[in-house]
Amino acid sequence: MAYIRMIEQEEATGLLARQYDAAMARAGKLFNVVKIQSQRPKALRASIALYTTVMLGESELSRAERELLAVVVSEINDCHY
């Protein structure tokens, strides 16, 4: 199994610390899907922006429908996250 070093919240500085703080404010915890991108804070920022646009942005689909699609795609891809 591959291993990617994740920077923990206590170690984070600068942009990464700000991204972690924002993630905590949104979800109340720091999920591994955020921490796995910790080596590249700018990429993490872009990833969160994309997620926010897709899940919360203007759409003909409701938030619940978008979440359901995400669950179905994850199941098809055998993703247990």
PDB file of N, CA and C in Angstrom:
ATOM      1  N   MET A   1       0.840  -1.174   0.000  1.00  0.00           N
ATOM      2  CA  MET A   1       0.000   0.000   0.000  1.00  0.00           C
ATOM      3  C   MET A   1       0.892   1.247   0.000  1.00  0.00           C
ATOM      4  N   ALA A   2       0.536   2.212  -0.791  1.00  0.00           N
ATOM      5  CA  ALA A   2       1.294   3.457  -0.866  1.00  0.00           C
ATOM      6  C   ALA A   2       1.138   4.247   0.429  1.00  0.00           C
ATOM      7  N   TYR A   3       2.133   5.056   0.727  1.00  0.00           N
ATOM      8  CA  TYR A   3       2.099   5.885   1.922  1.00  0.00           C
ATOM      9  C   TYR A   3       2.383   7.322   1.521  1.00  0.00           C
ATOM     10  N   ILE A   4       1.532   8.221   1.960  1.00  0.00           N
ATOM     11  CA  ILE A   4       1.728   9.645   1.727  1.00  0.00           C
ATOM     12  C   ILE A   4       1.763  10.323   3.096  1.00  0.00           C
ATOM     13  N   ARG A   5       2.845  11.034   3.367  1.00  0.00           N
ATOM     14  CA  ARG A   5       2.957  11.724   4.646  1.00  0.00           C
ATOM     15  C   ARG A   5       1.939  12.850   4.697  1.00  0.00           C
ATOM     16  N   MET A   6       1.139  12.841   5.734  1.00  0.00           N
ATOM     17  CA  MET A   6       0.143  13.892   5.938  1.00  0.00           C
ATOM     18  C   MET A   6       0.626  14.806   7.058  1.00  0.00           C
ATOM     19  N   ILE A   7       0.559  16.083   6.822  1.00  0.00           N
ATOM     20  CA  ILE A   7       0.934  17.057   7.841  1.00  0.00           C
ATOM     21  C   ILE A   7      -0.251  17.205   8.796  1.00  0.00           C
ATOM     22  N   GLU A   8       0.005  16.971  10.062  1.00  0.00           N
ATOM     23  CA  GLU A   8      -1.045  17.069  11.067  1.00  0.00           C
ATOM     24  C   GLU A   8      -1.348  18.532  11.377  1.00  0.00           C
ATOM     25  N   GLN A   9      -2.496  18.782  11.955  1.00  0.00           N
ATOM     26  CA  GLN A   9      -2.939  20.142  12.226  1.00  0.00           C
ATOM     27  C   GLN A   9      -1.946  20.898  13.106  1.00  0.00           C
ATOM     28  N   GLU A  10      -1.374  20.225  14.083  1.00  0.00           N
ATOM     29  CA  GLU A  10      -0.432  20.884  14.990  1.00  0.00           C
ATOM     30  C   GLU A  10       0.843  21.332  14.265  1.00  0.00           C
ATOM     31  N   GLU A  11       1.171  20.681  13.173  1.00  0.00           N
ATOM     32  CA  GLU A  11       2.388  20.991  12.413  1.00  0.00           C
ATOM     33  C   GLU A  11       2.166  22.046  11.330  1.00  0.00           C
ATOM     34  N   ALA A  12       0.931  22.299  10.978  1.00  0.00           N
ATOM     35  CA  ALA A  12       0.611  23.153   9.829  1.00  0.00           C
ATOM     36  C   ALA A  12       0.951  24.614  10.108  1.00  0.00           C
ATOM     37  N   THR A  13       1.477  25.271   9.068  1.00  0.00           N
ATOM     38  CA  THR A  13       1.778  26.700   9.147  1.00  0.00           C
ATOM     39  C   THR A  13       1.279  27.373   7.868  1.00  0.00           C
ATOM     40  N   GLY A  14       1.217  28.694   7.905  1.00  0.00           N
ATOM     41  CA  GLY A  14       0.902  29.477   6.719  1.00  0.00           C
ATOM     42  C   GLY A  14      -0.402  29.097   6.049  1.00  0.00           C
ATOM     43  N   LEU A  15      -0.347  28.972   4.724  1.00  0.00           N
ATOM     44  CA  LEU A  15      -1.529  28.664   3.926  1.00  0.00           C
ATOM     45  C   LEU A  15      -2.178  27.356   4.376  1.00  0.00           C
ATOM     46  N   LEU A  16      -1.380  26.339   4.664  1.00  0.00           N
ATOM     47  CA  LEU A  16      -1.944  25.063   5.092  1.00  0.00           C
ATOM     48  C   LEU A  16      -2.708  25.220   6.400  1.00  0.00           C
ATOM     49  N   ALA A  17      -2.166  25.957   7.346  1.00  0.00           N
ATOM     50  CA  ALA A  17      -2.859  26.177   8.616  1.00  0.00           C
ATOM     51  C   ALA A  17      -4.192  26.883   8.381  1.00  0.00           C
ATOM     52  N   ARG A  18      -4.198  27.841   7.464  1.00  0.00           N
ATOM     53  CA  ARG A  18      -5.449  28.548   7.156  1.00  0.00           C
ATOM     54  C   ARG A  18      -6.461  27.616   6.493  1.00  0.00           C
ATOM     55  N   GLN A  19      -5.986  26.744   5.597  1.00  0.00           N
ATOM     56  CA  GLN A  19      -6.876  25.774   4.952  1.00  0.00           C
ATOM     57  C   GLN A  19      -7.441  24.802   5.992  1.00  0.00           C
ATOM     58  N   TYR A  20      -6.607  24.349   6.902  1.00  0.00           N
ATOM     59  CA  TYR A  20      -7.056  23.453   7.974  1.00  0.00           C
ATOM     60  C   TYR A  20      -8.084  24.149   8.866  1.00  0.00           C
ATOM     61  N   ASP A  21      -7.831  25.402   9.227  1.00  0.00           N
ATOM     62  CA  ASP A  21      -8.778  26.148  10.060  1.00  0.00           C
ATOM     63  C   ASP A  21     -10.130  26.279   9.360  1.00  0.00           C
ATOM     64  N   ALA A  22     -10.104  26.553   8.067  1.00  0.00           N
ATOM     65  CA  ALA A  22     -11.351  26.671   7.300  1.00  0.00           C
ATOM     66  C   ALA A  22     -12.071  25.326   7.236  1.00  0.00           C
ATOM     67  N   ALA A  23     -11.314  24.247   7.059  1.00  0.00           N
ATOM     68  CA  ALA A  23     -11.921  22.907   7.020  1.00  0.00           C
ATOM     69  C   ALA A  23     -12.564  22.579   8.361  1.00  0.00           C
ATOM     70  N   MET A  24     -11.903  22.926   9.442  1.00  0.00           N
ATOM     71  CA  MET A  24     -12.466  22.697  10.776  1.00  0.00           C
ATOM     72  C   MET A  24     -13.745  23.505  10.967  1.00  0.00           C
ATOM     73  N   ALA A  25     -13.753  24.731  10.483  1.00  0.00           N
ATOM     74  CA  ALA A  25     -14.943  25.573  10.603  1.00  0.00           C
ATOM     75  C   ALA A  25     -16.111  24.994   9.811  1.00  0.00           C
ATOM     76  N   ARG A  26     -15.810  24.401   8.653  1.00  0.00           N
ATOM     77  CA  ARG A  26     -16.862  23.824   7.814  1.00  0.00           C
ATOM     78  C   ARG A  26     -17.409  22.522   8.385  1.00  0.00           C
ATOM     79  N   ALA A  27     -16.512  21.635   8.814  1.00  0.00           N
ATOM     80  CA  ALA A  27     -16.926  20.263   9.132  1.00  0.00           C
ATOM     81  C   ALA A  27     -16.789  19.891  10.604  1.00  0.00           C
ATOM     82  N   GLY A  28     -16.082  20.695  11.368  1.00  0.00           N
ATOM     83  CA  GLY A  28     -15.907  20.369  12.772  1.00  0.00           C
ATOM     84  C   GLY A  28     -14.813  19.353  13.042  1.00  0.00           C
ATOM     85  N   LYS A  29     -14.201  18.846  11.981  1.00  0.00           N
ATOM     86  CA  LYS A  29     -13.060  17.936  12.111  1.00  0.00           C
ATOM     87  C   LYS A  29     -12.239  18.013  10.840  1.00  0.00           C
ATOM     88  N   LEU A  30     -11.064  17.446  10.893  1.00  0.00           N
ATOM     89  CA  LEU A  30     -10.154  17.488   9.753  1.00  0.00           C
ATOM     90  C   LEU A  30     -10.100  16.099   9.119  1.00  0.00           C
ATOM     91  N   PHE A  31     -10.778  15.932   8.001  1.00  0.00           N
ATOM     92  CA  PHE A  31     -10.854  14.640   7.331  1.00  0.00           C
ATOM     93  C   PHE A  31      -9.557  14.327   6.599  1.00  0.00           C
ATOM     94  N   ASN A  32      -9.250  13.039   6.461  1.00  0.00           N
ATOM     95  CA  ASN A  32      -8.038  12.612   5.767  1.00  0.00           C
ATOM     96  C   ASN A  32      -8.004  13.070   4.316  1.00  0.00           C
ATOM     97  N   VAL A  33      -9.161  13.208   3.680  1.00  0.00           N
ATOM     98  CA  VAL A  33      -9.191  13.660   2.288  1.00  0.00           C
ATOM     99  C   VAL A  33      -8.601  15.071   2.178  1.00  0.00           C
ATOM    100  N   VAL A  34      -8.651  15.838   3.237  1.00  0.00           N
ATOM    101  CA  VAL A  34      -8.008  17.156   3.277  1.00  0.00           C
ATOM    102  C   VAL A  34      -6.526  16.984   3.600  1.00  0.00           C
ATOM    103  N   LYS A  35      -6.226  16.209   4.638  1.00  0.00           N
ATOM    104  CA  LYS A  35      -4.834  16.051   5.071  1.00  0.00           C
ATOM    105  C   LYS A  35      -3.965  15.367   4.024  1.00  0.00           C
ATOM    106  N   ILE A  36      -4.553  14.520   3.184  1.00  0.00           N
ATOM    107  CA  ILE A  36      -3.759  13.802   2.185  1.00  0.00           C
ATOM    108  C   ILE A  36      -3.174  14.779   1.164  1.00  0.00           C
ATOM    109  N   GLN A  37      -3.748  15.975   1.077  1.00  0.00           N
ATOM    110  CA  GLN A  37      -3.263  16.993   0.141  1.00  0.00           C
ATOM    111  C   GLN A  37      -2.356  18.023   0.823  1.00  0.00           C
ATOM    112  N   SER A  38      -1.968  17.746   2.055  1.00  0.00           N
ATOM    113  CA  SER A  38      -1.260  18.733   2.872  1.00  0.00           C
ATOM    114  C   SER A  38       0.127  19.099   2.359  1.00  0.00           C
ATOM    115  N   GLN A  39       0.741  18.246   1.574  1.00  0.00           N
ATOM    116  CA  GLN A  39       2.073  18.554   1.054  1.00  0.00           C
ATOM    117  C   GLN A  39       2.030  19.669   0.004  1.00  0.00           C
ATOM    118  N   ARG A  40       0.858  19.911  -0.549  1.00  0.00           N
ATOM    119  CA  ARG A  40       0.694  20.941  -1.591  1.00  0.00           C
ATOM    120  C   ARG A  40      -0.500  21.834  -1.236  1.00  0.00           C
ATOM    121  N   PRO A  41      -0.315  22.800  -0.327  1.00  0.00           N
ATOM    122  CA  PRO A  41      -1.428  23.648   0.124  1.00  0.00           C
ATOM    123  C   PRO A  41      -2.156  24.394  -0.998  1.00  0.00           C
ATOM    124  N   LYS A  42      -1.434  24.800  -2.041  1.00  0.00           N
ATOM    125  CA  LYS A  42      -2.113  25.494  -3.152  1.00  0.00           C
ATOM    126  C   LYS A  42      -3.040  24.542  -3.899  1.00  0.00           C
ATOM    127  N   ALA A  43      -2.614  23.308  -4.068  1.00  0.00           N
ATOM    128  CA  ALA A  43      -3.474  22.304  -4.704  1.00  0.00           C
ATOM    129  C   ALA A  43      -4.677  22.006  -3.811  1.00  0.00           C
ATOM    130  N   LEU A  44      -4.459  21.949  -2.499  1.00  0.00           N
ATOM    131  CA  LEU A  44      -5.560  21.746  -1.556  1.00  0.00           C
ATOM    132  C   LEU A  44      -6.567  22.885  -1.680  1.00  0.00           C
ATOM    133  N   ARG A  45      -6.080  24.102  -1.735  1.00  0.00           N
ATOM    134  CA  ARG A  45      -6.963  25.264  -1.880  1.00  0.00           C
ATOM    135  C   ARG A  45      -7.803  25.146  -3.156  1.00  0.00           C
ATOM    136  N   ALA A  46      -7.177  24.760  -4.260  1.00  0.00           N
ATOM    137  CA  ALA A  46      -7.894  24.602  -5.528  1.00  0.00           C
ATOM    138  C   ALA A  46      -8.905  23.455  -5.443  1.00  0.00           C
ATOM    139  N   SER A  47      -8.529  22.378  -4.786  1.00  0.00           N
ATOM    140  CA  SER A  47      -9.424  21.226  -4.626  1.00  0.00           C
ATOM    141  C   SER A  47     -10.677  21.609  -3.830  1.00  0.00           C
ATOM    142  N   ILE A  48     -10.477  22.357  -2.765  1.00  0.00           N
ATOM    143  CA  ILE A  48     -11.614  22.801  -1.951  1.00  0.00           C
ATOM    144  C   ILE A  48     -12.491  23.764  -2.742  1.00  0.00           C
ATOM    145  N   ALA A  49     -11.880  24.628  -3.532  1.00  0.00           N
ATOM    146  CA  ALA A  49     -12.651  25.552  -4.375  1.00  0.00           C
ATOM    147  C   ALA A  49     -13.496  24.785  -5.389  1.00  0.00           C
ATOM    148  N   LEU A  50     -12.913  23.751  -5.994  1.00  0.00           N
ATOM    149  CA  LEU A  50     -13.667  22.932  -6.944  1.00  0.00           C
ATOM    150  C   LEU A  50     -14.826  22.236  -6.241  1.00  0.00           C
ATOM    151  N   TYR A  51     -14.553  21.619  -5.105  1.00  0.00           N
ATOM    152  CA  TYR A  51     -15.602  20.935  -4.346  1.00  0.00           C
ATOM    153  C   TYR A  51     -16.735  21.908  -3.997  1.00  0.00           C
ATOM    154  N   THR A  52     -16.370  23.089  -3.517  1.00  0.00           N
ATOM    155  CA  THR A  52     -17.374  24.078  -3.126  1.00  0.00           C
ATOM    156  C   THR A  52     -18.226  24.488  -4.325  1.00  0.00           C
ATOM    157  N   THR A  53     -17.591  24.688  -5.455  1.00  0.00           N
ATOM    158  CA  THR A  53     -18.327  25.066  -6.660  1.00  0.00           C
ATOM    159  C   THR A  53     -19.279  23.962  -7.094  1.00  0.00           C
ATOM    160  N   VAL A  54     -18.799  22.732  -7.107  1.00  0.00           N
ATOM    161  CA  VAL A  54     -19.620  21.603  -7.562  1.00  0.00           C
ATOM    162  C   VAL A  54     -20.756  21.303  -6.584  1.00  0.00           C
ATOM    163  N   MET A  55     -20.456  21.287  -5.309  1.00  0.00           N
ATOM    164  CA  MET A  55     -21.453  20.862  -4.329  1.00  0.00           C
ATOM    165  C   MET A  55     -22.357  21.991  -3.835  1.00  0.00           C
ATOM    166  N   LEU A  56     -21.868  23.215  -3.830  1.00  0.00           N
ATOM    167  CA  LEU A  56     -22.645  24.318  -3.266  1.00  0.00           C
ATOM    168  C   LEU A  56     -23.020  25.384  -4.280  1.00  0.00           C
ATOM    169  N   GLY A  57     -22.402  25.323  -5.459  1.00  0.00           N
ATOM    170  CA  GLY A  57     -22.655  26.339  -6.473  1.00  0.00           C
ATOM    171  C   GLY A  57     -24.011  26.183  -7.139  1.00  0.00           C
ATOM    172  N   GLU A  58     -24.265  27.082  -8.040  1.00  0.00           N
ATOM    173  CA  GLU A  58     -25.526  27.093  -8.779  1.00  0.00           C
ATOM    174  C   GLU A  58     -25.675  25.811  -9.587  1.00  0.00           C
ATOM    175  N   SER A  59     -26.851  25.184  -9.500  1.00  0.00           N
ATOM    176  CA  SER A  59     -27.095  23.926 -10.203  1.00  0.00           C
ATOM    177  C   SER A  59     -28.588  23.645 -10.250  1.00  0.00           C
ATOM    178  N   GLU A  60     -28.980  22.866 -11.227  1.00  0.00           N
ATOM    179  CA  GLU A  60     -30.366  22.409 -11.283  1.00  0.00           C
ATOM    180  C   GLU A  60     -30.594  21.241 -10.324  1.00  0.00           C
ATOM    181  N   LEU A  61     -29.513  20.656  -9.836  1.00  0.00           N
ATOM    182  CA  LEU A  61     -29.607  19.565  -8.867  1.00  0.00           C
ATOM    183  C   LEU A  61     -29.588  20.119  -7.454  1.00  0.00           C
ATOM    184  N   SER A  62     -30.353  19.489  -6.573  1.00  0.00           N
ATOM    185  CA  SER A  62     -30.326  19.892  -5.171  1.00  0.00           C
ATOM    186  C   SER A  62     -29.027  19.411  -4.528  1.00  0.00           C
ATOM    187  N   ARG A  63     -28.726  19.916  -3.359  1.00  0.00           N
ATOM    188  CA  ARG A  63     -27.537  19.471  -2.630  1.00  0.00           C
ATOM    189  C   ARG A  63     -27.648  17.978  -2.342  1.00  0.00           C
ATOM    190  N   ALA A  64     -28.838  17.517  -1.957  1.00  0.00           N
ATOM    191  CA  ALA A  64     -29.046  16.101  -1.661  1.00  0.00           C
ATOM    192  C   ALA A  64     -28.798  15.233  -2.898  1.00  0.00           C
ATOM    193  N   GLU A  65     -29.253  15.693  -4.063  1.00  0.00           N
ATOM    194  CA  GLU A  65     -29.025  14.935  -5.300  1.00  0.00           C
ATOM    195  C   GLU A  65     -27.535  14.875  -5.633  1.00  0.00           C
ATOM    196  N   ARG A  66     -26.824  15.963  -5.414  1.00  0.00           N
ATOM    197  CA  ARG A  66     -25.379  15.976  -5.674  1.00  0.00           C
ATOM    198  C   ARG A  66     -24.650  15.026  -4.732  1.00  0.00           C
ATOM    199  N   GLU A  67     -25.036  15.022  -3.460  1.00  0.00           N
ATOM    200  CA  GLU A  67     -24.430  14.103  -2.487  1.00  0.00           C
ATOM    201  C   GLU A  67     -24.725  12.656  -2.873  1.00  0.00           C
ATOM    202  N   LEU A  68     -25.948  12.388  -3.310  1.00  0.00           N
ATOM    203  CA  LEU A  68     -26.318  11.038  -3.730  1.00  0.00           C
ATOM    204  C   LEU A  68     -25.470  10.589  -4.916  1.00  0.00           C
ATOM    205  N   LEU A  69     -25.276  11.466  -5.877  1.00  0.00           N
ATOM    206  CA  LEU A  69     -24.419  11.134  -7.019  1.00  0.00           C
ATOM    207  C   LEU A  69     -22.997  10.825  -6.565  1.00  0.00           C
ATOM    208  N   ALA A  70     -22.487  11.600  -5.618  1.00  0.00           N
ATOM    209  CA  ALA A  70     -21.138  11.362  -5.104  1.00  0.00           C
ATOM    210  C   ALA A  70     -21.048   9.993  -4.436  1.00  0.00           C
ATOM    211  N   VAL A  71     -22.075   9.613  -3.697  1.00  0.00           N
ATOM    212  CA  VAL A  71     -22.090   8.300  -3.039  1.00  0.00           C
ATOM    213  C   VAL A  71     -22.126   7.185  -4.074  1.00  0.00           C
ATOM    214  N   VAL A  72     -22.951   7.323  -5.093  1.00  0.00           N
ATOM    215  CA  VAL A  72     -23.056   6.300  -6.138  1.00  0.00           C
ATOM    216  C   VAL A  72     -21.726   6.142  -6.871  1.00  0.00           C
ATOM    217  N   VAL A  73     -21.101   7.252  -7.242  1.00  0.00           N
ATOM    218  CA  VAL A  73     -19.816   7.189  -7.943  1.00  0.00           C
ATOM    219  C   VAL A  73     -18.753   6.554  -7.050  1.00  0.00           C
ATOM    220  N   SER A  74     -18.743   6.911  -5.779  1.00  0.00           N
ATOM    221  CA  SER A  74     -17.783   6.306  -4.848  1.00  0.00           C
ATOM    222  C   SER A  74     -17.985   4.803  -4.746  1.00  0.00           C
ATOM    223  N   GLU A  75     -19.222   4.375  -4.687  1.00  0.00           N
ATOM    224  CA  GLU A  75     -19.522   2.940  -4.618  1.00  0.00           C
ATOM    225  C   GLU A  75     -19.066   2.241  -5.890  1.00  0.00           C
ATOM    226  N   ILE A  76     -19.357   2.802  -7.034  1.00  0.00           N
ATOM    227  CA  ILE A  76     -18.936   2.203  -8.315  1.00  0.00           C
ATOM    228  C   ILE A  76     -17.412   2.082  -8.378  1.00  0.00           C
ATOM    229  N   ASN A  77     -16.716   3.097  -7.821  1.00  0.00           N
ATOM    230  CA  ASN A  77     -15.254   3.102  -7.835  1.00  0.00           C
ATOM    231  C   ASN A  77     -14.652   2.327  -6.658  1.00  0.00           C
ATOM    232  N   ASP A  78     -15.501   1.659  -5.884  1.00  0.00           N
ATOM    233  CA  ASP A  78     -15.054   0.877  -4.732  1.00  0.00           C
ATOM    234  C   ASP A  78     -14.291   1.752  -3.740  1.00  0.00           C
ATOM    235  N   CYS A  79     -14.760   2.982  -3.580  1.00  0.00           N
ATOM    236  CA  CYS A  79     -14.160   3.935  -2.642  1.00  0.00           C
ATOM    237  C   CYS A  79     -14.965   3.887  -1.361  1.00  0.00           C
ATOM    238  N   HIS A  80     -14.307   3.579  -0.272  1.00  0.00           N
ATOM    239  CA  HIS A  80     -15.004   3.420   1.001  1.00  0.00           C
ATOM    240  C   HIS A  80     -14.980   4.675   1.848  1.00  0.00           C
ATOM    241  N   TYR A  81     -14.528   5.788   1.293  1.00  0.00           N
ATOM    242  CA  TYR A  81     -14.394   6.995   2.076  1.00  0.00           C
ATOM    243  C   TYR A  81     -15.729   7.617   2.381  1.00  0.00           C
TER     244      TYR A  81
END
